[in-house]
Amino acid sequence: MRYLYFILMGVLLVGCNQVSIHENVNEDLANDAMQVMDIIAEAIESDTVLENLPEEDIYKLYGFKDKYDDNDMLFEVFSDADEDIITFVLGSTGKYANSKLIQSDTDDLMENREAVIAMIESGKNYLERND
């Protein structure tokens, strides 16, 4: 039942794309993070492993890593939430890349997606958010 809830929420959020970006969150980072998390959520829903993703989606996953992993020159961090968003998205990308889409991995990835959304909308880091 819990898995069905995450799938339903993922479909609704992907379809509506109604994530409001808090003023304390870098807008480019938020948009890039949601793009990556949406790719992962859609891959989970369709039971698609990394090797079977469209080439464009693979480039986006690795592009996020190239842009945000230890590269302070390409973006401005506004808050601790930005740092946590980067950490969660990079962690999710790595977990997805190494996953064979077993239930525990997919549950964790969908929970990470919800946490990223909560941080983007609240502007609070992972431990301060109220979701």
C-alpha atoms as a PDB file:
ATOM      1  CA  MET A   1       0.000   0.000   0.000  1.00  0.00           C
ATOM      2  CA  ARG A   2       2.820   2.380   0.900  1.00  0.00           C
ATOM      3  CA  TYR A   3       4.513   1.736  -2.441  1.00  0.00           C
ATOM      4  CA  LEU A   4       1.253   2.477  -4.268  1.00  0.00           C
ATOM      5  CA  TYR A   5       1.007   5.779  -2.380  1.00  0.00           C
ATOM      6  CA  PHE A   6       4.508   6.805  -3.500  1.00  0.00           C
ATOM      7  CA  ILE A   7       3.756   5.837  -7.091  1.00  0.00           C
ATOM      8  CA  LEU A   8       0.520   7.805  -7.058  1.00  0.00           C
ATOM      9  CA  MET A   9       2.203  10.850  -5.534  1.00  0.00           C
ATOM     10  CA  GLY A  10       5.004  10.577  -8.074  1.00  0.00           C
ATOM     11  CA  VAL A  11       2.577  10.440 -10.979  1.00  0.00           C
ATOM     12  CA  LEU A  12       0.609  13.384  -9.658  1.00  0.00           C
ATOM     13  CA  LEU A  13       3.690  15.494  -9.037  1.00  0.00           C
ATOM     14  CA  VAL A  14       5.298  14.585 -12.346  1.00  0.00           C
ATOM     15  CA  GLY A  15       2.078  15.232 -14.226  1.00  0.00           C
ATOM     16  CA  CYS A  16       1.288  18.486 -12.499  1.00  0.00           C
ATOM     17  CA  ASN A  17       4.852  19.641 -11.842  1.00  0.00           C
ATOM     18  CA  GLN A  18       3.455  21.854  -9.084  1.00  0.00           C
ATOM     19  CA  VAL A  19       6.541  22.223  -6.936  1.00  0.00           C
ATOM     20  CA  SER A  20       6.827  25.759  -5.632  1.00  0.00           C
ATOM     21  CA  ILE A  21      10.382  26.924  -5.061  1.00  0.00           C
ATOM     22  CA  HIS A  22      11.080  28.668  -1.769  1.00  0.00           C
ATOM     23  CA  GLU A  23      13.020  31.934  -1.964  1.00  0.00           C
ATOM     24  CA  ASN A  24      15.872  30.391   0.074  1.00  0.00           C
ATOM     25  CA  VAL A  25      16.478  27.732  -2.593  1.00  0.00           C
ATOM     26  CA  ASN A  26      18.474  28.286  -5.769  1.00  0.00           C
ATOM     27  CA  GLU A  27      15.890  28.104  -8.564  1.00  0.00           C
ATOM     28  CA  ASP A  28      18.231  26.510 -11.107  1.00  0.00           C
ATOM     29  CA  LEU A  29      19.217  23.859  -8.587  1.00  0.00           C
ATOM     30  CA  ALA A  30      15.574  23.166  -7.717  1.00  0.00           C
ATOM     31  CA  ASN A  31      14.596  22.759 -11.371  1.00  0.00           C
ATOM     32  CA  ASP A  32      17.600  20.546 -12.120  1.00  0.00           C
ATOM     33  CA  ALA A  33      16.976  18.453  -9.002  1.00  0.00           C
ATOM     34  CA  MET A  34      13.325  17.907  -9.891  1.00  0.00           C
ATOM     35  CA  GLN A  35      14.259  16.964 -13.435  1.00  0.00           C
ATOM     36  CA  VAL A  36      16.625  14.266 -12.156  1.00  0.00           C
ATOM     37  CA  MET A  37      14.219  13.020  -9.492  1.00  0.00           C
ATOM     38  CA  ASP A  38      11.411  12.874 -12.087  1.00  0.00           C
ATOM     39  CA  ILE A  39      13.599  10.795 -14.405  1.00  0.00           C
ATOM     40  CA  ILE A  40      14.302   8.393 -11.555  1.00  0.00           C
ATOM     41  CA  ALA A  41      10.623   8.231 -10.508  1.00  0.00           C
ATOM     42  CA  GLU A  42       9.490   7.560 -14.074  1.00  0.00           C
ATOM     43  CA  ALA A  43      12.163   4.863 -14.459  1.00  0.00           C
ATOM     44  CA  ILE A  44      10.985   3.191 -11.260  1.00  0.00           C
ATOM     45  CA  GLU A  45       7.367   3.310 -12.395  1.00  0.00           C
ATOM     46  CA  SER A  46       8.261   1.698 -15.713  1.00  0.00           C
ATOM     47  CA  ASP A  47      10.708  -0.757 -14.084  1.00  0.00           C
ATOM     48  CA  THR A  48      13.592   0.577 -16.186  1.00  0.00           C
ATOM     49  CA  VAL A  49      17.205   0.162 -15.084  1.00  0.00           C
ATOM     50  CA  LEU A  50      19.869   2.754 -15.935  1.00  0.00           C
ATOM     51  CA  GLU A  51      21.227   0.828 -18.911  1.00  0.00           C
ATOM     52  CA  ASN A  52      17.794   0.941 -20.589  1.00  0.00           C
ATOM     53  CA  LEU A  53      17.100   4.652 -20.086  1.00  0.00           C
ATOM     54  CA  PRO A  54      17.059   6.920 -23.120  1.00  0.00           C
ATOM     55  CA  GLU A  55      20.491   8.414 -23.745  1.00  0.00           C
ATOM     56  CA  GLU A  56      19.137  11.914 -23.089  1.00  0.00           C
ATOM     57  CA  ASP A  57      18.017  10.928 -19.581  1.00  0.00           C
ATOM     58  CA  ILE A  58      21.373   9.327 -18.804  1.00  0.00           C
ATOM     59  CA  TYR A  59      23.109  12.563 -19.847  1.00  0.00           C
ATOM     60  CA  LYS A  60      20.830  14.538 -17.527  1.00  0.00           C
ATOM     61  CA  LEU A  61      21.588  12.264 -14.576  1.00  0.00           C
ATOM     62  CA  TYR A  62      25.322  12.546 -15.083  1.00  0.00           C
ATOM     63  CA  GLY A  63      25.033  16.216 -16.018  1.00  0.00           C
ATOM     64  CA  PHE A  64      23.609  16.971 -12.577  1.00  0.00           C
ATOM     65  CA  LYS A  65      26.599  15.286 -10.973  1.00  0.00           C
ATOM     66  CA  ASP A  66      29.032  17.173 -13.185  1.00  0.00           C
ATOM     67  CA  LYS A  67      27.373  20.502 -12.424  1.00  0.00           C
ATOM     68  CA  TYR A  68      26.732  20.207  -8.681  1.00  0.00           C
ATOM     69  CA  ASP A  69      29.250  17.750  -7.263  1.00  0.00           C
ATOM     70  CA  ASP A  70      32.129  19.812  -5.837  1.00  0.00           C
ATOM     71  CA  ASN A  71      31.839  22.549  -8.436  1.00  0.00           C
ATOM     72  CA  ASP A  72      31.163  25.850  -6.693  1.00  0.00           C
ATOM     73  CA  MET A  73      31.846  27.822  -9.859  1.00  0.00           C
ATOM     74  CA  LEU A  74      28.617  26.890 -11.680  1.00  0.00           C
ATOM     75  CA  PHE A  75      25.955  27.856  -9.158  1.00  0.00           C
ATOM     76  CA  GLU A  76      25.294  29.816  -5.995  1.00  0.00           C
ATOM     77  CA  VAL A  77      24.248  28.020  -2.809  1.00  0.00           C
ATOM     78  CA  PHE A  78      21.577  30.032  -0.998  1.00  0.00           C
ATOM     79  CA  SER A  79      21.064  27.872   2.083  1.00  0.00           C
ATOM     80  CA  ASP A  80      21.721  24.597   3.872  1.00  0.00           C
ATOM     81  CA  ALA A  81      18.667  23.278   2.039  1.00  0.00           C
ATOM     82  CA  ASP A  82      20.565  23.666  -1.253  1.00  0.00           C
ATOM     83  CA  GLU A  83      23.382  21.537   0.110  1.00  0.00           C
ATOM     84  CA  ASP A  84      20.965  18.851   1.299  1.00  0.00           C
ATOM     85  CA  ILE A  85      19.087  18.881  -2.019  1.00  0.00           C
ATOM     86  CA  ILE A  86      22.370  18.269  -3.839  1.00  0.00           C
ATOM     87  CA  THR A  87      23.276  15.474  -1.422  1.00  0.00           C
ATOM     88  CA  PHE A  88      19.900  13.744  -1.766  1.00  0.00           C
ATOM     89  CA  VAL A  89      19.824  13.981  -5.555  1.00  0.00           C
ATOM     90  CA  LEU A  90      23.408  12.752  -5.952  1.00  0.00           C
ATOM     91  CA  GLY A  91      22.717   9.924  -3.506  1.00  0.00           C
ATOM     92  CA  SER A  92      19.519   9.001  -5.321  1.00  0.00           C
ATOM     93  CA  THR A  93      21.281   9.010  -8.668  1.00  0.00           C
ATOM     94  CA  GLY A  94      23.999   6.729  -7.341  1.00  0.00           C
ATOM     95  CA  LYS A  95      21.510   4.400  -5.689  1.00  0.00           C
ATOM     96  CA  TYR A  96      19.400   4.228  -8.837  1.00  0.00           C
ATOM     97  CA  ALA A  97      22.467   3.583 -11.011  1.00  0.00           C
ATOM     98  CA  ASN A  98      23.446   0.621  -8.823  1.00  0.00           C
ATOM     99  CA  SER A  99      19.921  -0.617  -8.190  1.00  0.00           C
ATOM    100  CA  LYS A 100      18.198  -3.547  -9.775  1.00  0.00           C
ATOM    101  CA  LEU A 101      14.919  -1.908  -8.737  1.00  0.00           C
ATOM    102  CA  ILE A 102      14.271  -4.126  -5.748  1.00  0.00           C
ATOM    103  CA  GLN A 103      11.501  -2.967  -3.461  1.00  0.00           C
ATOM    104  CA  SER A 104      13.666  -1.533  -0.685  1.00  0.00           C
ATOM    105  CA  ASP A 105      15.645   0.555  -3.195  1.00  0.00           C
ATOM    106  CA  THR A 106      12.563   1.886  -4.943  1.00  0.00           C
ATOM    107  CA  ASP A 107      10.957   2.774  -1.609  1.00  0.00           C
ATOM    108  CA  ASP A 108      14.098   4.666  -0.545  1.00  0.00           C
ATOM    109  CA  LEU A 109      14.307   6.507  -3.869  1.00  0.00           C
ATOM    110  CA  MET A 110      10.677   7.604  -3.708  1.00  0.00           C
ATOM    111  CA  GLU A 111      11.142   8.744  -0.096  1.00  0.00           C
ATOM    112  CA  ASN A 112      14.205  10.730  -1.183  1.00  0.00           C
ATOM    113  CA  ARG A 113      12.129  12.360  -3.915  1.00  0.00           C
ATOM    114  CA  GLU A 114       9.528  13.426  -1.368  1.00  0.00           C
ATOM    115  CA  ALA A 115      12.273  14.807   0.897  1.00  0.00           C
ATOM    116  CA  VAL A 116      13.754  16.821  -2.000  1.00  0.00           C
ATOM    117  CA  ILE A 117      10.327  18.262  -2.806  1.00  0.00           C
ATOM    118  CA  ALA A 118       9.801  19.190   0.853  1.00  0.00           C
ATOM    119  CA  MET A 119      13.187  20.935   1.014  1.00  0.00           C
ATOM    120  CA  ILE A 120      12.552  22.840  -2.225  1.00  0.00           C
ATOM    121  CA  GLU A 121       9.142  24.002  -1.056  1.00  0.00           C
ATOM    122  CA  SER A 122      10.081  24.839   2.545  1.00  0.00           C
ATOM    123  CA  GLY A 123      13.596  26.197   2.025  1.00  0.00           C
ATOM    124  CA  LYS A 124      14.636  24.164   5.068  1.00  0.00           C
ATOM    125  CA  ASN A 125      17.328  21.530   5.208  1.00  0.00           C
ATOM    126  CA  TYR A 126      16.444  17.873   5.711  1.00  0.00           C
ATOM    127  CA  LEU A 127      16.494  17.915   9.522  1.00  0.00           C
ATOM    128  CA  GLU A 128      14.520  21.178   9.845  1.00  0.00           C
ATOM    129  CA  ARG A 129      11.686  20.444   7.428  1.00  0.00           C
ATOM    130  CA  ASN A 130       8.176  19.652   8.697  1.00  0.00           C
ATOM    131  CA  ASP A 131       6.687  17.108   6.309  1.00  0.00           C
END
